[in-house]
Amino acid sequence: MLLGVLALFAAYFLVPTRSADQGSDVPWLLVALGAFAAVAAVQIPAIVRAPYPIVRAVGTIAILVSLYLLVFARLYLSISLGDPLAFSRPLDTTTALYFTVTVFATVGFGDIVAQINSMRLLVTLQMLLNLAVLGTLIRLITTAAQHGVARRRSEPGTSQP
């Protein structure tokens, strides 16, 4: 799973962003959201079947949280490239990721802030989704890991993981 997280971050930093005159970055965002849904759909049943469900669950959380953060970072970056006044300073790949993580972690240092109402609403949406998505993911993955551990314990000839 570590390789998966590294691949996601490499893609985030290496896939070029589109400037406002080159069109929308929406296709990349749709691919990323589709990947998020696909990873969740594939990994949750895989956790139940895994030989070490808890390890698989931790890896799945790492992948999904990374992907979730990168989707928002790319969204903020794309918006900032189209409207440099959307935030208190123009964002690049690093500052967009930094801003996304500070919002996710509810730190809010204040060095980068949304300047226009549409961005304030988007950041508010991210904050609400942080709670909903993270809570739902943790619940689903924890439940899948518990079922996987129970399955392993009930198999003849296996020791507890």
C-alpha atoms as a PDB file:
ATOM      1  CA  MET A   1       0.000   0.000   0.000  1.00  0.00           C
ATOM      2  CA  LEU A   2       2.939   2.335   0.591  1.00  0.00           C
ATOM      3  CA  LEU A   3       3.740   2.080  -3.095  1.00  0.00           C
ATOM      4  CA  GLY A   4       0.153   3.037  -3.874  1.00  0.00           C
ATOM      5  CA  VAL A   5       0.370   6.150  -1.696  1.00  0.00           C
ATOM      6  CA  LEU A   6       3.701   7.077  -3.286  1.00  0.00           C
ATOM      7  CA  ALA A   7       2.234   6.564  -6.767  1.00  0.00           C
ATOM      8  CA  LEU A   8      -0.690   8.862  -5.934  1.00  0.00           C
ATOM      9  CA  PHE A   9       1.590  11.635  -4.728  1.00  0.00           C
ATOM     10  CA  ALA A  10       3.907  11.173  -7.704  1.00  0.00           C
ATOM     11  CA  ALA A  11       0.934  11.496 -10.051  1.00  0.00           C
ATOM     12  CA  TYR A  12      -0.250  14.603  -8.223  1.00  0.00           C
ATOM     13  CA  PHE A  13       3.104  16.322  -8.587  1.00  0.00           C
ATOM     14  CA  LEU A  14       3.960  15.014 -12.064  1.00  0.00           C
ATOM     15  CA  VAL A  15       0.664  15.307 -13.970  1.00  0.00           C
ATOM     16  CA  PRO A  16       0.741  18.825 -15.389  1.00  0.00           C
ATOM     17  CA  THR A  17      -1.975  21.221 -14.362  1.00  0.00           C
ATOM     18  CA  ARG A  18      -3.869  23.160 -16.954  1.00  0.00           C
ATOM     19  CA  SER A  19      -3.693  26.898 -16.965  1.00  0.00           C
ATOM     20  CA  ALA A  20      -6.928  28.826 -17.393  1.00  0.00           C
ATOM     21  CA  ASP A  21      -6.342  29.314 -21.115  1.00  0.00           C
ATOM     22  CA  GLN A  22      -5.809  25.564 -21.668  1.00  0.00           C
ATOM     23  CA  GLY A  23      -9.259  24.548 -20.515  1.00  0.00           C
ATOM     24  CA  SER A  24     -10.590  22.766 -17.488  1.00  0.00           C
ATOM     25  CA  ASP A  25      -8.882  20.379 -15.100  1.00  0.00           C
ATOM     26  CA  VAL A  26     -12.256  18.700 -14.523  1.00  0.00           C
ATOM     27  CA  PRO A  27     -11.353  15.493 -16.435  1.00  0.00           C
ATOM     28  CA  TRP A  28      -8.468  14.826 -14.033  1.00  0.00           C
ATOM     29  CA  LEU A  29     -10.757  15.463 -11.098  1.00  0.00           C
ATOM     30  CA  LEU A  30     -13.398  13.081 -12.434  1.00  0.00           C
ATOM     31  CA  VAL A  31     -10.761  10.375 -12.911  1.00  0.00           C
ATOM     32  CA  ALA A  32      -9.546  10.923  -9.349  1.00  0.00           C
ATOM     33  CA  LEU A  33     -13.065  10.731  -7.918  1.00  0.00           C
ATOM     34  CA  GLY A  34     -13.710   7.587  -9.949  1.00  0.00           C
ATOM     35  CA  ALA A  35     -10.472   6.098  -8.624  1.00  0.00           C
ATOM     36  CA  PHE A  36     -11.553   6.941  -5.072  1.00  0.00           C
ATOM     37  CA  ALA A  37     -14.871   5.128  -5.535  1.00  0.00           C
ATOM     38  CA  ALA A  38     -13.203   2.169  -7.279  1.00  0.00           C
ATOM     39  CA  VAL A  39     -10.533   1.755  -4.607  1.00  0.00           C
ATOM     40  CA  ALA A  40     -13.168   1.847  -1.857  1.00  0.00           C
ATOM     41  CA  ALA A  41     -15.403  -0.629  -3.709  1.00  0.00           C
ATOM     42  CA  VAL A  42     -12.550  -3.080  -4.305  1.00  0.00           C
ATOM     43  CA  GLN A  43     -10.714  -2.751  -1.018  1.00  0.00           C
ATOM     44  CA  ILE A  44     -13.559  -3.170   1.450  1.00  0.00           C
ATOM     45  CA  PRO A  45     -14.413  -6.742   0.368  1.00  0.00           C
ATOM     46  CA  ALA A  46     -10.675  -7.455   0.009  1.00  0.00           C
ATOM     47  CA  ILE A  47     -10.155  -6.535   3.667  1.00  0.00           C
ATOM     48  CA  VAL A  48     -12.627  -9.240   4.731  1.00  0.00           C
ATOM     49  CA  ARG A  49     -10.803 -11.858   2.632  1.00  0.00           C
ATOM     50  CA  ALA A  50      -7.266 -10.721   3.473  1.00  0.00           C
ATOM     51  CA  PRO A  51      -4.955 -12.973   5.484  1.00  0.00           C
ATOM     52  CA  TYR A  52      -4.178  -9.956   7.677  1.00  0.00           C
ATOM     53  CA  PRO A  53      -7.327  -7.823   7.581  1.00  0.00           C
ATOM     54  CA  ILE A  54      -6.118  -5.148   9.991  1.00  0.00           C
ATOM     55  CA  VAL A  55      -2.960  -4.515   7.989  1.00  0.00           C
ATOM     56  CA  ARG A  56      -5.028  -4.359   4.801  1.00  0.00           C
ATOM     57  CA  ALA A  57      -7.476  -1.956   6.483  1.00  0.00           C
ATOM     58  CA  VAL A  58      -4.697   0.415   7.565  1.00  0.00           C
ATOM     59  CA  GLY A  59      -3.279   0.391   4.035  1.00  0.00           C
ATOM     60  CA  THR A  60      -6.703   1.064   2.568  1.00  0.00           C
ATOM     61  CA  ILE A  61      -7.241   4.041   4.854  1.00  0.00           C
ATOM     62  CA  ALA A  62      -3.823   5.406   3.850  1.00  0.00           C
ATOM     63  CA  ILE A  63      -4.674   5.116   0.152  1.00  0.00           C
ATOM     64  CA  LEU A  64      -8.182   6.557   0.436  1.00  0.00           C
ATOM     65  CA  VAL A  65      -7.257   9.477   2.691  1.00  0.00           C
ATOM     66  CA  SER A  66      -4.310  10.321   0.419  1.00  0.00           C
ATOM     67  CA  LEU A  67      -6.525  10.197  -2.652  1.00  0.00           C
ATOM     68  CA  TYR A  68      -9.213  12.284  -0.950  1.00  0.00           C
ATOM     69  CA  LEU A  69      -6.675  14.961  -0.002  1.00  0.00           C
ATOM     70  CA  LEU A  70      -5.123  14.979  -3.461  1.00  0.00           C
ATOM     71  CA  VAL A  71      -8.512  15.441  -5.125  1.00  0.00           C
ATOM     72  CA  PHE A  72      -9.163  18.563  -3.068  1.00  0.00           C
ATOM     73  CA  ALA A  73      -5.605  19.819  -3.509  1.00  0.00           C
ATOM     74  CA  ARG A  74      -5.924  19.463  -7.278  1.00  0.00           C
ATOM     75  CA  LEU A  75      -9.312  21.170  -7.210  1.00  0.00           C
ATOM     76  CA  TYR A  76      -7.948  24.131  -5.240  1.00  0.00           C
ATOM     77  CA  LEU A  77      -4.910  24.309  -7.509  1.00  0.00           C
ATOM     78  CA  SER A  78      -7.056  24.298 -10.626  1.00  0.00           C
ATOM     79  CA  ILE A  79      -9.279  27.040  -9.249  1.00  0.00           C
ATOM     80  CA  SER A  80      -6.309  29.146  -8.182  1.00  0.00           C
ATOM     81  CA  LEU A  81      -4.765  28.876 -11.640  1.00  0.00           C
ATOM     82  CA  GLY A  82      -8.030  30.085 -13.142  1.00  0.00           C
ATOM     83  CA  ASP A  83      -8.550  32.831 -10.569  1.00  0.00           C
ATOM     84  CA  PRO A  84      -5.393  33.861  -8.679  1.00  0.00           C
ATOM     85  CA  LEU A  85      -7.517  36.037  -6.362  1.00  0.00           C
ATOM     86  CA  ALA A  86      -9.565  33.064  -5.098  1.00  0.00           C
ATOM     87  CA  PHE A  87      -7.083  32.578  -2.266  1.00  0.00           C
ATOM     88  CA  SER A  88      -4.942  35.005  -0.296  1.00  0.00           C
ATOM     89  CA  ARG A  89      -2.047  33.967  -2.534  1.00  0.00           C
ATOM     90  CA  PRO A  90      -1.800  32.025  -5.796  1.00  0.00           C
ATOM     91  CA  LEU A  91      -1.408  28.300  -5.185  1.00  0.00           C
ATOM     92  CA  ASP A  92       1.095  25.896  -6.678  1.00  0.00           C
ATOM     93  CA  THR A  93       1.071  22.111  -6.226  1.00  0.00           C
ATOM     94  CA  THR A  94       2.801  22.275  -2.860  1.00  0.00           C
ATOM     95  CA  THR A  95       0.766  25.125  -1.362  1.00  0.00           C
ATOM     96  CA  ALA A  96      -2.494  23.612  -2.622  1.00  0.00           C
ATOM     97  CA  LEU A  97      -1.660  20.335  -0.880  1.00  0.00           C
ATOM     98  CA  TYR A  98      -0.548  22.203   2.232  1.00  0.00           C
ATOM     99  CA  PHE A  99      -3.796  24.194   2.323  1.00  0.00           C
ATOM    100  CA  THR A 100      -5.866  21.028   1.840  1.00  0.00           C
ATOM    101  CA  VAL A 101      -4.104  19.218   4.669  1.00  0.00           C
ATOM    102  CA  THR A 102      -4.477  22.179   7.046  1.00  0.00           C
ATOM    103  CA  VAL A 103      -8.210  22.237   6.311  1.00  0.00           C
ATOM    104  CA  PHE A 104      -8.442  18.451   6.704  1.00  0.00           C
ATOM    105  CA  ALA A 105      -6.548  18.533   9.996  1.00  0.00           C
ATOM    106  CA  THR A 106      -8.613  21.531  11.163  1.00  0.00           C
ATOM    107  CA  VAL A 107      -5.405  23.407  11.894  1.00  0.00           C
ATOM    108  CA  GLY A 108      -6.154  26.510   9.833  1.00  0.00           C
ATOM    109  CA  PHE A 109      -2.903  28.433  10.244  1.00  0.00           C
ATOM    110  CA  GLY A 110      -4.393  31.383   8.354  1.00  0.00           C
ATOM    111  CA  ASP A 111      -1.443  31.903   6.024  1.00  0.00           C
ATOM    112  CA  ILE A 112      -3.603  30.829   3.073  1.00  0.00           C
ATOM    113  CA  VAL A 113      -7.307  31.614   3.146  1.00  0.00           C
ATOM    114  CA  ALA A 114     -10.193  31.522   0.727  1.00  0.00           C
ATOM    115  CA  GLN A 115     -10.861  35.076  -0.419  1.00  0.00           C
ATOM    116  CA  ILE A 116     -14.089  34.780  -2.380  1.00  0.00           C
ATOM    117  CA  ASN A 117     -17.421  33.392  -1.253  1.00  0.00           C
ATOM    118  CA  SER A 118     -17.460  30.502  -3.721  1.00  0.00           C
ATOM    119  CA  MET A 119     -14.103  29.308  -2.348  1.00  0.00           C
ATOM    120  CA  ARG A 120     -15.272  29.772   1.220  1.00  0.00           C
ATOM    121  CA  LEU A 121     -18.247  27.564   0.390  1.00  0.00           C
ATOM    122  CA  LEU A 122     -15.990  24.965  -1.234  1.00  0.00           C
ATOM    123  CA  VAL A 123     -13.695  24.909   1.803  1.00  0.00           C
ATOM    124  CA  THR A 124     -16.768  24.601   4.036  1.00  0.00           C
ATOM    125  CA  LEU A 125     -17.930  21.676   1.890  1.00  0.00           C
ATOM    126  CA  GLN A 126     -14.526  20.043   2.295  1.00  0.00           C
ATOM    127  CA  MET A 127     -14.732  20.465   6.076  1.00  0.00           C
ATOM    128  CA  LEU A 128     -18.159  18.830   6.166  1.00  0.00           C
ATOM    129  CA  LEU A 129     -17.067  16.056   3.813  1.00  0.00           C
ATOM    130  CA  ASN A 130     -13.970  15.510   5.957  1.00  0.00           C
ATOM    131  CA  LEU A 131     -16.251  14.525   8.808  1.00  0.00           C
ATOM    132  CA  ALA A 132     -18.659  12.464   6.725  1.00  0.00           C
ATOM    133  CA  VAL A 133     -16.140  10.730   4.470  1.00  0.00           C
ATOM    134  CA  LEU A 134     -13.599  10.018   7.162  1.00  0.00           C
ATOM    135  CA  GLY A 135     -16.231   8.776   9.595  1.00  0.00           C
ATOM    136  CA  THR A 136     -17.860   6.579   6.968  1.00  0.00           C
ATOM    137  CA  LEU A 137     -14.544   5.189   5.739  1.00  0.00           C
ATOM    138  CA  ILE A 138     -13.341   4.398   9.222  1.00  0.00           C
ATOM    139  CA  ARG A 139     -16.632   2.691  10.053  1.00  0.00           C
ATOM    140  CA  LEU A 140     -16.734   0.644   6.845  1.00  0.00           C
ATOM    141  CA  ILE A 141     -13.093  -0.358   7.012  1.00  0.00           C
ATOM    142  CA  THR A 142     -13.204  -1.158  10.731  1.00  0.00           C
ATOM    143  CA  THR A 143     -16.273  -3.318  10.208  1.00  0.00           C
ATOM    144  CA  ALA A 144     -14.628  -5.082   7.266  1.00  0.00           C
ATOM    145  CA  ALA A 145     -11.485  -5.695   9.335  1.00  0.00           C
ATOM    146  CA  GLN A 146     -13.578  -7.085  12.210  1.00  0.00           C
ATOM    147  CA  HIS A 147     -15.347  -9.454   9.804  1.00  0.00           C
ATOM    148  CA  GLY A 148     -11.991 -10.481   8.356  1.00  0.00           C
ATOM    149  CA  VAL A 149     -10.541 -11.203  11.788  1.00  0.00           C
ATOM    150  CA  ALA A 150     -13.669 -13.181  12.732  1.00  0.00           C
ATOM    151  CA  ARG A 151     -13.413 -15.139   9.467  1.00  0.00           C
ATOM    152  CA  ARG A 152      -9.752 -15.945  10.135  1.00  0.00           C
ATOM    153  CA  ARG A 153     -10.515 -17.092  13.672  1.00  0.00           C
ATOM    154  CA  SER A 154     -13.288 -19.380  12.482  1.00  0.00           C
ATOM    155  CA  GLU A 155     -11.108 -21.109   9.855  1.00  0.00           C
ATOM    156  CA  PRO A 156      -9.776 -24.455  11.035  1.00  0.00           C
ATOM    157  CA  GLY A 157      -6.010 -24.581  11.525  1.00  0.00           C
ATOM    158  CA  THR A 158      -5.406 -20.845  11.658  1.00  0.00           C
ATOM    159  CA  SER A 159      -4.032 -18.973  14.593  1.00  0.00           C
ATOM    160  CA  GLN A 160      -5.259 -15.557  15.589  1.00  0.00           C
ATOM    161  CA  PRO A 161      -3.748 -12.716  13.514  1.00  0.00           C
END
